[in-house]
N, C-alpha and C. Protein backbone atom coordinates (compact mmCIF):
# COMPACT_ATOMS: atom_id res chain seq x y z
N UNK A 1 44.02 37.00 15.84
CA UNK A 1 44.82 36.71 17.07
C UNK A 1 44.00 35.80 17.95
N UNK A 2 44.61 34.83 18.55
CA UNK A 2 43.88 33.87 19.42
C UNK A 2 43.59 34.61 20.79
N UNK A 3 42.41 34.42 21.33
CA UNK A 3 42.05 34.96 22.60
C UNK A 3 42.71 34.17 23.74
N UNK A 4 43.16 34.92 24.76
CA UNK A 4 43.79 34.29 25.93
C UNK A 4 43.06 34.79 27.12
N UNK A 5 42.17 33.89 27.71
CA UNK A 5 41.34 34.23 28.81
C UNK A 5 42.19 34.63 30.02
N UNK A 6 43.33 34.12 30.17
CA UNK A 6 44.20 34.51 31.30
C UNK A 6 44.64 35.93 31.13
N UNK A 7 44.97 36.36 29.94
CA UNK A 7 45.33 37.77 29.71
C UNK A 7 44.11 38.71 29.94
N UNK A 8 42.94 38.25 29.65
CA UNK A 8 41.72 39.15 29.97
C UNK A 8 41.72 39.41 31.43
N UNK A 9 41.89 38.33 32.18
CA UNK A 9 41.82 38.49 33.63
C UNK A 9 43.00 39.36 34.18
N UNK A 10 44.17 39.13 33.67
CA UNK A 10 45.36 39.89 34.11
C UNK A 10 45.14 41.43 33.82
N UNK A 11 44.61 41.73 32.68
CA UNK A 11 44.39 43.12 32.33
C UNK A 11 43.35 43.74 33.33
N UNK A 12 42.28 43.08 33.53
CA UNK A 12 41.23 43.60 34.42
C UNK A 12 41.84 43.80 35.85
N UNK A 13 42.54 42.82 36.35
CA UNK A 13 43.11 42.96 37.70
C UNK A 13 44.16 44.07 37.77
N UNK A 14 44.95 44.20 36.72
CA UNK A 14 45.96 45.24 36.65
C UNK A 14 45.38 46.60 36.73
N UNK A 15 44.27 46.76 35.95
CA UNK A 15 43.58 48.09 35.87
C UNK A 15 42.93 48.34 37.22
N UNK A 16 42.29 47.36 37.83
CA UNK A 16 41.68 47.52 39.11
C UNK A 16 42.71 47.90 40.20
N UNK A 17 43.80 47.20 40.23
CA UNK A 17 44.87 47.47 41.18
C UNK A 17 45.46 48.93 41.03
N UNK A 18 45.45 49.49 39.83
CA UNK A 18 45.99 50.77 39.55
C UNK A 18 45.00 51.87 40.12
N UNK A 19 43.80 51.58 40.36
CA UNK A 19 42.76 52.52 40.89
C UNK A 19 42.47 53.66 39.95
N UNK A 20 43.07 53.71 38.83
CA UNK A 20 42.80 54.79 37.85
C UNK A 20 43.24 54.28 36.48
N UNK A 21 43.03 55.09 35.45
CA UNK A 21 43.48 54.74 34.10
C UNK A 21 44.95 54.39 34.05
N UNK A 22 45.31 53.37 33.42
CA UNK A 22 46.68 52.90 33.32
C UNK A 22 47.29 53.55 32.08
N UNK A 23 48.36 54.45 32.28
CA UNK A 23 48.86 55.17 31.14
C UNK A 23 49.66 54.28 30.20
N UNK A 24 50.44 53.35 30.71
CA UNK A 24 51.23 52.47 29.81
C UNK A 24 51.08 51.03 30.36
N UNK A 25 50.12 50.31 29.85
CA UNK A 25 49.83 48.96 30.38
C UNK A 25 50.80 47.94 29.78
N UNK A 26 51.56 47.33 30.76
CA UNK A 26 52.47 46.28 30.40
C UNK A 26 52.17 45.06 31.31
N UNK A 27 52.20 43.91 30.74
CA UNK A 27 52.00 42.69 31.47
C UNK A 27 53.05 41.72 31.01
N UNK A 28 53.81 41.22 31.92
CA UNK A 28 54.99 40.35 31.63
C UNK A 28 54.53 39.12 30.91
N UNK A 29 55.31 38.79 29.86
CA UNK A 29 55.01 37.56 29.05
C UNK A 29 54.14 37.87 27.84
N UNK A 30 53.62 39.10 27.68
CA UNK A 30 52.80 39.42 26.57
C UNK A 30 53.32 40.61 25.77
N UNK A 31 53.10 40.59 24.48
CA UNK A 31 53.53 41.67 23.60
C UNK A 31 52.49 42.82 23.74
N UNK A 32 52.94 44.00 23.33
CA UNK A 32 52.02 45.14 23.29
C UNK A 32 50.83 44.87 22.33
N UNK A 33 51.11 44.15 21.23
CA UNK A 33 50.04 43.83 20.29
C UNK A 33 48.99 42.89 20.91
N UNK A 34 49.46 41.87 21.69
CA UNK A 34 48.54 40.97 22.40
C UNK A 34 47.68 41.77 23.41
N UNK A 35 48.35 42.61 24.20
CA UNK A 35 47.61 43.35 25.22
C UNK A 35 46.61 44.35 24.49
N UNK A 36 46.96 45.00 23.45
CA UNK A 36 46.08 45.89 22.74
C UNK A 36 44.82 45.15 22.25
N UNK A 37 45.05 44.03 21.60
CA UNK A 37 43.99 43.19 21.06
C UNK A 37 43.00 42.84 22.20
N UNK A 38 43.51 42.39 23.34
CA UNK A 38 42.71 41.92 24.41
C UNK A 38 42.03 43.14 25.09
N UNK A 39 42.68 44.27 25.16
CA UNK A 39 42.09 45.47 25.71
C UNK A 39 40.91 45.92 24.78
N UNK A 40 41.09 45.79 23.44
CA UNK A 40 39.95 46.16 22.58
C UNK A 40 38.79 45.22 22.75
N UNK A 41 39.01 43.95 22.95
CA UNK A 41 37.98 43.04 23.18
C UNK A 41 37.19 43.37 24.50
N UNK A 42 37.96 43.75 25.58
CA UNK A 42 37.32 44.11 26.78
C UNK A 42 36.56 45.44 26.64
N UNK A 43 37.08 46.32 25.84
CA UNK A 43 36.40 47.58 25.56
C UNK A 43 35.05 47.25 24.74
N UNK A 44 35.15 46.46 23.76
CA UNK A 44 33.92 46.09 22.97
C UNK A 44 32.89 45.41 23.86
N UNK A 45 33.37 44.64 24.84
CA UNK A 45 32.40 43.87 25.72
C UNK A 45 31.80 44.87 26.81
N UNK A 46 32.32 46.14 26.85
CA UNK A 46 31.80 47.07 27.78
C UNK A 46 32.46 46.99 29.19
N UNK A 47 33.57 46.33 29.27
CA UNK A 47 34.18 46.11 30.56
C UNK A 47 35.19 47.22 30.96
N UNK A 48 35.82 47.83 29.99
CA UNK A 48 36.74 48.94 30.28
C UNK A 48 36.44 50.10 29.33
N UNK A 49 36.84 51.31 29.75
CA UNK A 49 36.60 52.48 28.90
C UNK A 49 37.91 52.79 28.11
N UNK A 50 37.71 53.32 27.04
CA UNK A 50 38.75 53.99 26.21
C UNK A 50 40.09 53.31 26.23
N UNK A 51 40.37 52.64 25.18
CA UNK A 51 41.72 52.05 25.00
C UNK A 51 42.37 52.83 23.83
N UNK A 52 43.44 53.49 24.12
CA UNK A 52 44.16 54.32 23.12
C UNK A 52 45.57 53.84 23.00
N UNK A 53 45.89 53.29 21.78
CA UNK A 53 47.29 52.95 21.55
C UNK A 53 48.08 54.22 21.20
N UNK A 54 49.17 54.43 21.84
CA UNK A 54 50.07 55.64 21.63
C UNK A 54 51.32 55.11 21.02
N UNK A 55 51.51 55.39 19.76
CA UNK A 55 52.70 54.91 19.01
C UNK A 55 53.90 55.68 19.28
N UNK A 56 53.82 56.94 19.77
CA UNK A 56 55.02 57.71 20.10
C UNK A 56 56.02 57.68 18.96
N UNK A 57 57.25 57.39 19.30
CA UNK A 57 58.33 57.38 18.32
C UNK A 57 58.59 56.03 17.76
N UNK A 58 57.77 55.01 18.12
CA UNK A 58 58.03 53.64 17.61
C UNK A 58 56.76 53.08 16.94
N UNK A 59 56.99 51.88 16.32
CA UNK A 59 55.89 51.35 15.68
C UNK A 59 55.04 50.36 16.60
N UNK A 60 55.58 50.20 17.86
CA UNK A 60 54.99 49.38 18.87
C UNK A 60 54.11 50.30 19.79
N UNK A 61 52.83 50.07 19.87
CA UNK A 61 51.96 50.93 20.69
C UNK A 61 52.24 50.78 22.19
N UNK A 62 52.04 51.82 22.90
CA UNK A 62 51.93 51.78 24.31
C UNK A 62 50.47 51.94 24.64
N UNK A 63 49.91 50.94 25.34
CA UNK A 63 48.52 50.91 25.57
C UNK A 63 48.09 51.76 26.78
N UNK A 64 47.11 52.62 26.55
CA UNK A 64 46.55 53.45 27.62
C UNK A 64 45.21 52.89 27.90
N UNK A 65 45.05 52.16 28.97
CA UNK A 65 43.68 51.57 29.28
C UNK A 65 42.99 52.42 30.26
N UNK A 66 41.68 52.58 29.95
CA UNK A 66 40.82 53.40 30.82
C UNK A 66 40.28 52.67 32.02
N UNK A 67 39.41 53.31 32.68
CA UNK A 67 38.79 52.74 33.88
C UNK A 67 37.91 51.55 33.63
N UNK A 68 37.64 50.77 34.66
CA UNK A 68 36.72 49.66 34.57
C UNK A 68 35.26 50.23 34.70
N UNK A 69 34.37 49.72 33.82
CA UNK A 69 32.97 50.11 33.90
C UNK A 69 32.25 49.31 34.93
N UNK A 70 31.00 49.64 35.24
CA UNK A 70 30.19 48.92 36.21
C UNK A 70 30.02 47.46 35.73
N UNK A 71 29.80 47.26 34.45
CA UNK A 71 29.73 45.90 33.90
C UNK A 71 31.09 45.15 34.14
N UNK A 72 32.14 45.88 33.92
CA UNK A 72 33.49 45.25 34.15
C UNK A 72 33.71 44.90 35.67
N UNK A 73 33.22 45.71 36.54
CA UNK A 73 33.37 45.42 37.97
C UNK A 73 32.57 44.14 38.32
N UNK A 74 31.41 44.02 37.79
CA UNK A 74 30.56 42.83 38.00
C UNK A 74 31.32 41.59 37.41
N UNK A 75 31.84 41.69 36.26
CA UNK A 75 32.62 40.62 35.64
C UNK A 75 33.84 40.27 36.53
N UNK A 76 34.57 41.30 36.94
CA UNK A 76 35.74 41.09 37.72
C UNK A 76 35.48 40.44 39.12
N UNK A 77 34.26 40.82 39.66
CA UNK A 77 33.87 40.15 40.89
C UNK A 77 33.82 38.65 40.75
N UNK A 78 33.46 38.16 39.61
CA UNK A 78 33.28 36.74 39.38
C UNK A 78 34.59 36.01 39.04
N UNK A 79 35.60 36.76 38.57
CA UNK A 79 36.87 36.14 38.07
C UNK A 79 38.03 36.49 39.04
N UNK A 80 37.89 37.35 39.96
CA UNK A 80 38.97 37.81 40.81
C UNK A 80 39.56 36.66 41.68
N UNK A 81 38.64 35.93 42.32
CA UNK A 81 39.07 34.84 43.18
C UNK A 81 39.72 33.75 42.39
N UNK A 82 40.95 33.33 42.80
CA UNK A 82 41.67 32.29 42.06
C UNK A 82 40.99 31.04 41.92
N UNK A 83 40.37 30.55 42.97
CA UNK A 83 39.62 29.26 43.04
C UNK A 83 38.53 29.35 42.04
N UNK A 84 37.68 30.35 42.06
CA UNK A 84 36.56 30.50 41.09
C UNK A 84 37.12 30.62 39.65
N UNK A 85 38.21 31.33 39.55
CA UNK A 85 38.82 31.50 38.18
C UNK A 85 39.22 30.15 37.63
N UNK A 86 39.88 29.30 38.43
CA UNK A 86 40.28 27.97 37.92
C UNK A 86 39.07 27.15 37.55
N UNK A 87 37.97 27.20 38.28
CA UNK A 87 36.80 26.45 37.97
C UNK A 87 36.17 26.96 36.61
N UNK A 88 36.19 28.29 36.44
CA UNK A 88 35.63 28.85 35.30
C UNK A 88 36.47 28.59 34.05
N UNK A 89 37.81 28.58 34.19
CA UNK A 89 38.69 28.29 33.12
C UNK A 89 38.46 26.77 32.64
N UNK A 90 38.24 25.93 33.65
CA UNK A 90 38.04 24.55 33.30
C UNK A 90 36.70 24.43 32.51
N UNK A 91 35.69 25.15 32.86
CA UNK A 91 34.45 25.10 32.09
C UNK A 91 34.63 25.58 30.72
N UNK A 92 35.44 26.61 30.59
CA UNK A 92 35.74 27.24 29.26
C UNK A 92 36.41 26.15 28.43
N UNK A 93 37.45 25.55 28.92
CA UNK A 93 38.24 24.55 28.25
C UNK A 93 37.34 23.34 27.90
N UNK A 94 36.59 22.79 28.86
CA UNK A 94 35.77 21.67 28.60
C UNK A 94 34.78 21.85 27.53
N UNK A 95 34.29 23.09 27.34
CA UNK A 95 33.30 23.38 26.35
C UNK A 95 33.84 24.18 25.12
N UNK A 96 35.16 24.27 25.06
CA UNK A 96 35.75 24.99 23.94
C UNK A 96 35.23 26.35 23.74
N UNK A 97 35.00 27.10 24.72
CA UNK A 97 34.46 28.45 24.63
C UNK A 97 35.50 29.51 24.56
N UNK A 98 35.14 30.65 24.03
CA UNK A 98 35.94 31.85 23.98
C UNK A 98 35.39 32.93 24.75
N UNK A 99 36.12 34.05 24.79
CA UNK A 99 35.77 35.19 25.61
C UNK A 99 34.28 35.67 25.35
N UNK A 100 33.92 35.59 24.08
CA UNK A 100 32.58 36.18 23.71
C UNK A 100 31.46 35.48 24.52
N UNK A 101 31.72 34.25 24.96
CA UNK A 101 30.68 33.60 25.74
C UNK A 101 30.99 33.56 27.26
N UNK A 102 32.10 34.15 27.60
CA UNK A 102 32.55 34.11 29.01
C UNK A 102 31.54 34.78 29.96
N UNK A 103 31.07 35.93 29.57
CA UNK A 103 30.07 36.62 30.40
C UNK A 103 28.78 35.80 30.59
N UNK A 104 28.35 35.25 29.48
CA UNK A 104 27.11 34.43 29.53
C UNK A 104 27.34 33.17 30.48
N UNK A 105 28.53 32.60 30.38
CA UNK A 105 28.82 31.43 31.21
C UNK A 105 28.80 31.82 32.67
N UNK A 106 29.45 32.95 33.04
CA UNK A 106 29.54 33.43 34.39
C UNK A 106 28.11 33.66 34.90
N UNK A 107 27.27 34.35 34.14
CA UNK A 107 25.89 34.62 34.55
C UNK A 107 25.13 33.30 34.71
N UNK A 108 25.28 32.40 33.84
CA UNK A 108 24.59 31.12 33.95
C UNK A 108 25.01 30.32 35.15
N UNK A 109 26.26 30.24 35.30
CA UNK A 109 26.77 29.40 36.41
C UNK A 109 26.46 30.07 37.76
N UNK A 110 26.46 31.35 37.85
CA UNK A 110 26.18 31.98 39.14
C UNK A 110 24.67 31.80 39.52
N UNK A 111 23.83 31.58 38.51
CA UNK A 111 22.45 31.30 38.77
C UNK A 111 22.21 29.83 39.06
N UNK A 112 22.77 29.01 38.17
CA UNK A 112 22.55 27.55 38.23
C UNK A 112 23.32 26.92 39.42
N UNK A 113 24.53 27.31 39.51
CA UNK A 113 25.40 26.68 40.57
C UNK A 113 26.18 27.74 41.31
N UNK A 114 25.53 28.52 42.15
CA UNK A 114 26.20 29.56 42.82
C UNK A 114 27.35 29.08 43.70
N UNK A 115 27.34 27.86 44.12
CA UNK A 115 28.37 27.34 44.97
C UNK A 115 29.70 27.30 44.26
N UNK A 116 29.73 27.34 42.94
CA UNK A 116 31.05 27.37 42.22
C UNK A 116 31.82 28.62 42.50
N UNK A 117 31.09 29.73 42.83
CA UNK A 117 31.70 31.00 43.10
C UNK A 117 31.87 31.29 44.56
N UNK A 118 31.77 30.30 45.43
CA UNK A 118 31.95 30.50 46.86
C UNK A 118 33.26 30.06 47.26
C-alpha cells in the first residue's frame, strides 16, 4: 500500500484530540484498511501504542488506536502547525521521500533550519 503522509498526520492529530485511546478510529475519505496500515506504520515507528484491529461481525476491521508515545508527541509537535506541515510536505515531495525518512527529515531541518518550524 502506498504511504500517505497526510493520513499519518490526521491519525496523530485525531488521537491527540481524543485525549485517550481511540476505540474506533475513522477518518473521512479513508478506508479502514488504509487507516490500519498507516496506524501499523506509526506503531512500528514508536509514535503510537497498540493498534488492534477488531473484526467483530464483519471482514472490515475497526481500528483501536492506542495513546501517543513520548516520541510521537515530539513528532506531532513538529507537524501539528499547518504552516510547518506544508513546508515539510514540500520537502518530502521535492526529495521523493516516504514516511520512513520523515522523522530524520524533521530532526535535520529543526537543527539546520529551525526557522522553518517557527
